[in-house]
Amino acid sequence: MPYKDHYVKRKIEEINPETDLKVKIMGFVVDKKDDTVILDDGSKKAKVFVDNITIVEKMNINQLVRIFGSTLPTDEGFEIKADVVQDLSNLNINLYKKVEELYNKMGV
């Protein structure tokens, strides 16, 4: 049986909280307070709740992160509860974008 990715890769603007129950998004931290960060992926911003306040305290504004999380529908759309926060500070974003472009071209 092939591996099925439980976290669907999405741009924030593409997330449908009714069908995308678990998502992975990548973006920059643009604001943080207590147990919440605001993530901007260039398409839209999302409010992300992080259970561990220590993780939020260690995050920096403009830090690149990937969030694996569950969507929570709200009256305004949705919020995300982080299951995993991955620091991507050392990622070469330009190289990443080139690889993504190649994947998309090949239909992978």
Protein backbone atom coordinates (compact mmCIF):
# COMPACT_ATOMS: atom_id res chain seq x y z
CA MET A 1 0.00 0.00 0.00
CA PRO A 2 1.54 3.37 -1.00
CA TYR A 3 2.24 6.02 1.62
CA LYS A 4 -0.49 8.66 1.84
CA ASP A 5 0.52 12.11 3.02
CA HIS A 6 -1.90 13.08 5.77
CA TYR A 7 -0.83 16.74 5.68
CA VAL A 8 -1.82 18.33 2.37
CA LYS A 9 0.59 20.94 1.04
CA ARG A 10 -1.28 24.20 0.48
CA LYS A 11 -0.85 27.92 -0.02
CA ILE A 12 -2.84 29.69 2.68
CA GLU A 13 -5.25 31.20 0.14
CA GLU A 14 -6.01 27.66 -1.19
CA ILE A 15 -7.01 26.15 2.16
CA ASN A 16 -10.59 24.94 2.44
CA PRO A 17 -11.14 24.10 6.13
CA GLU A 18 -14.06 21.80 5.26
CA THR A 19 -11.94 19.48 3.10
CA ASP A 20 -8.35 20.27 4.15
CA LEU A 21 -8.38 18.97 7.71
CA LYS A 22 -4.58 18.68 8.00
CA VAL A 23 -2.29 20.99 6.06
CA LYS A 24 1.36 21.89 5.72
CA ILE A 25 2.15 25.51 4.95
CA MET A 26 5.40 27.41 4.67
CA GLY A 27 5.83 31.11 5.32
CA PHE A 28 7.39 33.89 7.31
CA VAL A 29 6.46 34.79 10.87
CA VAL A 30 5.13 38.35 10.67
CA ASP A 31 3.78 38.64 14.21
CA LYS A 32 3.68 36.62 17.43
CA LYS A 33 2.01 36.88 20.81
CA ASP A 34 1.72 34.37 23.64
CA ASP A 35 0.74 31.07 21.95
CA THR A 36 -0.06 32.53 18.53
CA VAL A 37 1.93 33.44 15.42
CA ILE A 38 0.79 35.06 12.20
CA LEU A 39 2.29 33.35 9.17
CA ASP A 40 2.50 34.98 5.72
CA ASP A 41 3.21 32.79 2.69
CA GLY A 42 2.87 35.55 0.10
CA SER A 43 -0.67 34.56 -0.84
CA LYS A 44 -2.38 35.35 2.46
CA LYS A 45 -1.81 35.40 6.23
CA ALA A 46 -2.96 32.76 8.72
CA LYS A 47 -3.28 32.71 12.49
CA VAL A 48 -1.49 29.68 13.94
CA PHE A 49 -1.87 28.44 17.52
CA VAL A 50 1.16 26.69 19.04
CA ASP A 51 0.62 24.68 22.26
CA ASN A 52 4.20 25.15 23.43
CA ILE A 53 4.78 28.82 24.30
CA THR A 54 8.55 28.16 24.44
CA ILE A 55 8.50 27.42 20.71
CA VAL A 56 6.77 30.74 20.01
CA GLU A 57 9.26 32.58 22.21
CA LYS A 58 12.16 31.10 20.20
CA MET A 59 10.64 32.21 16.87
CA ASN A 60 11.81 35.47 15.33
CA ILE A 61 9.90 37.91 13.17
CA ASN A 62 10.73 37.20 9.48
CA GLN A 63 11.79 33.63 10.34
CA LEU A 64 10.88 31.08 7.68
CA VAL A 65 8.96 28.10 9.11
CA ARG A 66 6.83 25.21 7.93
CA ILE A 67 3.73 24.39 9.93
CA PHE A 68 2.08 20.98 9.93
CA GLY A 69 -1.31 21.55 11.49
CA SER A 70 -5.04 21.04 11.76
CA THR A 71 -7.50 23.58 10.38
CA LEU A 72 -10.08 25.10 12.69
CA PRO A 73 -13.06 26.72 10.91
CA THR A 74 -14.08 30.18 12.20
CA ASP A 75 -16.64 32.80 11.17
CA GLU A 76 -13.85 34.64 9.30
CA GLY A 77 -12.54 31.51 7.55
CA PHE A 78 -10.12 29.36 9.53
CA GLU A 79 -7.20 29.22 11.93
CA ILE A 80 -4.55 26.53 12.25
CA LYS A 81 -3.49 24.56 15.31
CA ALA A 82 0.16 23.59 14.85
CA ASP A 83 1.05 19.95 15.36
CA VAL A 84 4.67 20.42 14.24
CA VAL A 85 6.73 23.58 13.69
CA GLN A 86 9.80 23.19 11.48
CA ASP A 87 12.49 25.88 11.41
CA LEU A 88 13.53 26.58 7.80
CA SER A 89 15.91 29.46 8.55
CA ASN A 90 18.76 27.74 6.71
CA LEU A 91 16.69 26.87 3.63
CA ASN A 92 17.90 28.38 0.36
CA ILE A 93 14.49 29.76 -0.65
CA ASN A 94 15.54 30.53 -4.24
CA LEU A 95 16.76 26.98 -4.80
CA TYR A 96 13.59 25.65 -3.15
CA LYS A 97 11.41 27.68 -5.54
CA LYS A 98 13.37 26.38 -8.56
CA VAL A 99 12.91 22.79 -7.42
CA GLU A 100 9.18 23.37 -6.82
CA GLU A 101 8.88 24.85 -10.32
CA LEU A 102 10.56 21.77 -11.81
CA TYR A 103 8.28 19.44 -9.82
CA ASN A 104 5.21 21.32 -11.03
CA LYS A 105 6.44 21.19 -14.63
CA MET A 106 6.92 17.44 -14.38
CA GLY A 107 3.58 16.94 -12.63
CA VAL A 108 5.14 15.50 -9.51
